[in-house]
Amino acid sequence: MTNHLYKGDLPEGLNLGSVVAIDSETMGLIPQRDPLCVVQLSAGDGNAHLVQLDRKTYDAPRLKALLADTKVLKLFHFARFDVAAFKQWLGVDTAPVYCTKIASKLCRTYTDRHGLKDVCRELLGVDISKQQQSSDWGADQLSDAQVDYAASDVLHLHALREKLDAMLAREGRTDLAEACFEFLPNRAALDLAGWPEVDIFAHS
């Protein structure tokens, strides 16, 4: 496994294929308030590519083009948050997307543990560390521990998708999952527009 850290944007000519695992690190959990700091990506080949964004300009044309490329499927765990952060700070609509957390909730109905650590442990036998989750991602220089943590969040998403797709098909919920994934950018837009905690489909 190799981690590649870039300043500002993805390098020119980098090809991550048609299915890319993506995650992000921010200064907090409120997209409208907490700046986007790092975006990490993996082609599923065991390598992670991290972009430490220039928070003064957010000028990252190659990263933005990848996020908006309709021919590239973007894999996330809890896509709702990342898609909202990308819209807020990069001004880009991210699609199409696949969310392993939603897939897990639809097919692993025997548990309420759908965090990335729990899903990786059960389905892949991989134990990932969450020790750096609450560290300072706005620092000028990221520590090796931060880089390793950020990389771990994308390195297993391709394998997770394969396992979850099989479970979704077995339970007859593939179409339902795909409909949820398609709606995700709209759910993120509702979050940014002021409806983060409201179920607009509820009766009251």
Protein backbone atom coordinates (compact mmCIF):
# COMPACT_ATOMS: atom_id res chain seq x y z
CA MET A 1 0.00 0.00 0.00
CA THR A 2 1.25 3.46 -0.90
CA ASN A 3 -0.19 6.80 0.19
CA HIS A 4 0.27 9.77 -2.12
CA LEU A 5 -0.28 13.28 -0.71
CA TYR A 6 -0.84 16.19 -3.07
CA LYS A 7 -1.18 19.89 -2.34
CA GLY A 8 -4.14 21.68 -3.90
CA ASP A 9 -5.33 19.25 -6.57
CA LEU A 10 -4.90 15.82 -8.13
CA PRO A 11 -1.84 15.53 -10.37
CA GLU A 12 -2.34 15.88 -14.09
CA GLY A 13 -2.77 12.56 -15.90
CA LEU A 14 -3.76 10.49 -12.87
CA ASN A 15 -6.31 7.86 -13.95
CA LEU A 16 -8.32 6.32 -11.13
CA GLY A 17 -10.63 4.29 -13.35
CA SER A 18 -14.42 4.19 -13.62
CA VAL A 19 -15.11 3.38 -9.95
CA VAL A 20 -13.37 5.54 -7.33
CA ALA A 21 -13.62 5.31 -3.56
CA ILE A 22 -13.77 8.78 -1.99
CA ASP A 23 -13.89 10.26 1.49
CA SER A 24 -13.22 13.66 3.00
CA GLU A 25 -11.92 15.26 6.18
CA THR A 26 -13.34 18.53 7.47
CA MET A 27 -13.00 20.79 10.50
CA GLY A 28 -16.30 19.52 11.88
CA LEU A 29 -19.66 17.99 11.04
CA ILE A 30 -21.60 21.06 9.84
CA PRO A 31 -20.87 21.51 6.10
CA GLN A 32 -21.97 25.16 6.01
CA ARG A 33 -19.62 26.06 8.87
CA ASP A 34 -16.72 23.61 8.91
CA PRO A 35 -14.23 23.88 6.04
CA LEU A 36 -13.36 20.96 3.79
CA CYS A 37 -9.66 20.19 4.26
CA VAL A 38 -8.71 16.86 2.68
CA VAL A 39 -10.18 14.58 0.02
CA GLN A 40 -8.88 11.04 -0.27
CA LEU A 41 -9.40 8.69 -3.20
CA SER A 42 -8.57 5.12 -4.21
CA ALA A 43 -9.01 3.11 -7.39
CA GLY A 44 -9.27 -0.07 -5.33
CA ASP A 45 -5.69 -1.06 -6.09
CA GLY A 46 -4.38 -0.67 -2.55
CA ASN A 47 -3.10 2.86 -3.16
CA ALA A 48 -4.59 6.03 -1.67
CA HIS A 49 -4.36 9.52 -3.16
CA LEU A 50 -4.90 12.43 -0.75
CA VAL A 51 -5.53 16.02 -1.79
CA GLN A 52 -4.83 18.65 0.86
CA LEU A 53 -6.95 21.51 -0.43
CA ASP A 54 -5.98 25.17 -0.61
CA ARG A 55 -8.67 26.57 1.68
CA LYS A 56 -8.11 30.13 0.44
CA THR A 57 -9.19 29.33 -3.12
CA TYR A 58 -10.47 25.73 -3.32
CA ASP A 59 -9.08 25.82 -6.84
CA ALA A 60 -8.92 22.10 -7.70
CA PRO A 61 -10.15 21.71 -11.29
CA ARG A 62 -9.03 18.10 -11.78
CA LEU A 63 -10.62 16.94 -8.53
CA LYS A 64 -13.82 18.83 -9.32
CA ALA A 65 -13.97 17.33 -12.81
CA LEU A 66 -13.66 13.82 -11.38
CA LEU A 67 -16.43 14.40 -8.83
CA ALA A 68 -18.77 15.71 -11.53
CA ASP A 69 -17.89 13.07 -14.15
CA THR A 70 -21.08 11.11 -14.79
CA LYS A 71 -19.05 8.22 -16.22
CA VAL A 72 -17.24 7.64 -12.92
CA LEU A 73 -19.05 5.96 -10.01
CA LYS A 74 -18.02 7.46 -6.67
CA LEU A 75 -18.01 5.10 -3.65
CA PHE A 76 -18.55 6.57 -0.19
CA HIS A 77 -19.38 5.52 3.33
CA PHE A 78 -22.04 8.05 4.39
CA ALA A 79 -22.11 9.84 1.05
CA ARG A 80 -24.69 12.32 2.31
CA PHE A 81 -22.07 14.26 4.27
CA ASP A 82 -19.29 14.22 1.67
CA VAL A 83 -21.59 15.20 -1.19
CA ALA A 84 -22.88 18.15 0.84
CA ALA A 85 -19.34 19.22 1.75
CA PHE A 86 -18.23 19.06 -1.90
CA LYS A 87 -21.22 21.17 -2.94
CA GLN A 88 -20.61 23.72 -0.19
CA TRP A 89 -16.85 24.16 -0.58
CA LEU A 90 -16.03 23.05 -4.12
CA GLY A 91 -19.30 24.12 -5.76
CA VAL A 92 -19.65 20.77 -7.50
CA ASP A 93 -22.52 18.31 -7.84
CA THR A 94 -21.17 14.82 -7.17
CA ALA A 95 -22.80 12.01 -9.15
CA PRO A 96 -23.31 9.13 -9.61
CA VAL A 97 -22.69 7.83 -6.11
CA TYR A 98 -22.80 4.57 -4.14
CA CYS A 99 -23.01 4.62 -0.35
CA THR A 100 -21.82 1.57 1.56
CA LYS A 101 -23.57 2.83 4.72
CA ILE A 102 -26.97 2.91 3.00
CA ALA A 103 -26.29 -0.46 1.41
CA SER A 104 -25.41 -1.85 4.83
CA LYS A 105 -28.60 -0.50 6.39
CA LEU A 106 -30.68 -2.07 3.64
CA CYS A 107 -29.19 -5.56 3.79
CA ARG A 108 -27.64 -5.92 7.27
CA THR A 109 -30.96 -5.48 9.06
CA TYR A 110 -29.85 -7.87 11.80
CA THR A 111 -27.66 -5.14 13.36
CA ASP A 112 -27.67 -1.43 14.10
CA ARG A 113 -23.89 -1.17 13.69
CA HIS A 114 -23.28 0.37 10.28
CA GLY A 115 -20.12 2.40 10.88
CA LEU A 116 -17.23 1.75 8.51
CA LYS A 117 -15.19 0.07 11.25
CA ASP A 118 -18.02 -2.35 12.08
CA VAL A 119 -18.87 -3.21 8.47
CA CYS A 120 -15.22 -3.76 7.53
CA ARG A 121 -14.68 -6.00 10.54
CA GLU A 122 -17.68 -8.21 9.79
CA LEU A 123 -17.63 -8.42 6.01
CA LEU A 124 -13.89 -8.19 5.29
CA GLY A 125 -12.23 -9.28 8.53
CA VAL A 126 -10.34 -5.96 8.53
CA ASP A 127 -9.93 -3.88 11.68
CA ILE A 128 -9.41 -0.20 10.81
CA SER A 129 -8.36 2.45 13.33
CA LYS A 130 -10.49 5.52 14.06
CA GLN A 131 -7.92 7.11 16.38
CA GLN A 132 -7.30 10.18 14.19
CA GLN A 133 -10.96 10.84 13.39
CA SER A 134 -11.14 13.97 15.56
CA SER A 135 -7.70 15.42 14.82
CA ASP A 136 -6.91 18.84 13.31
CA TRP A 137 -7.34 18.39 9.56
CA GLY A 138 -6.70 22.09 8.94
CA ALA A 139 -3.05 21.82 9.97
CA ASP A 140 -0.49 22.98 7.41
CA GLN A 141 1.34 19.67 7.68
CA LEU A 142 -0.54 16.41 8.17
CA SER A 143 1.06 13.79 10.37
CA ASP A 144 1.85 10.30 9.11
CA ALA A 145 -0.88 9.01 11.44
CA GLN A 146 -3.43 11.37 9.85
CA VAL A 147 -2.44 10.32 6.34
CA ASP A 148 -2.67 6.63 7.24
CA TYR A 149 -6.07 7.16 8.86
CA ALA A 150 -7.45 9.07 5.89
CA ALA A 151 -6.18 6.41 3.51
CA SER A 152 -7.80 3.60 5.49
CA ASP A 153 -11.22 5.15 4.92
CA VAL A 154 -11.08 4.54 1.16
CA LEU A 155 -8.88 1.47 0.75
CA HIS A 156 -11.64 -1.05 1.52
CA LEU A 157 -14.72 0.49 -0.12
CA HIS A 158 -14.40 -1.44 -3.39
CA ALA A 159 -14.30 -4.75 -1.54
CA LEU A 160 -17.18 -3.67 0.68
CA ARG A 161 -19.28 -2.77 -2.32
CA GLU A 162 -18.77 -6.25 -3.78
CA LYS A 163 -19.88 -7.91 -0.54
CA LEU A 164 -22.83 -5.58 -0.04
CA ASP A 165 -23.99 -5.90 -3.64
CA ALA A 166 -24.20 -9.67 -3.18
CA MET A 167 -26.23 -9.25 -0.01
CA LEU A 168 -28.54 -6.67 -1.60
CA ALA A 169 -29.19 -9.02 -4.53
CA ARG A 170 -29.82 -11.93 -2.18
CA GLU A 171 -32.39 -9.91 -0.23
CA GLY A 172 -34.03 -8.46 -3.35
CA ARG A 173 -33.13 -4.87 -2.46
CA THR A 174 -30.77 -3.83 -5.25
CA ASP A 175 -33.32 -1.60 -6.98
CA LEU A 176 -34.22 0.06 -3.68
CA ALA A 177 -30.55 0.75 -2.95
CA GLU A 178 -30.01 2.26 -6.39
CA ALA A 179 -33.01 4.55 -5.90
CA CYS A 180 -31.57 5.71 -2.57
CA PHE A 181 -28.17 6.38 -4.14
CA GLU A 182 -29.78 8.43 -6.90
CA PHE A 183 -31.62 10.56 -4.32
CA LEU A 184 -28.50 11.24 -2.23
CA PRO A 185 -27.45 14.50 -3.96
CA ASN A 186 -30.95 15.82 -3.32
CA ARG A 187 -30.76 14.79 0.35
CA ALA A 188 -27.45 16.64 0.61
CA ALA A 189 -29.02 19.70 -1.02
CA LEU A 190 -31.82 19.60 1.59
CA ASP A 191 -29.17 19.50 4.33
CA LEU A 192 -27.47 22.59 2.94
CA ALA A 193 -30.79 24.38 2.44
CA GLY A 194 -31.76 24.05 6.09
CA TRP A 195 -33.52 20.70 6.46
CA PRO A 196 -30.72 18.54 7.93
CA GLU A 197 -32.79 16.91 10.68
CA VAL A 198 -36.22 16.95 9.03
CA ASP A 199 -37.80 13.94 7.36
CA ILE A 200 -39.75 15.63 4.58
CA PHE A 201 -41.66 12.40 3.96
CA ALA A 202 -42.99 12.25 7.53
CA HIS A 203 -46.70 12.82 8.19
CA SER A 204 -46.18 15.75 10.54
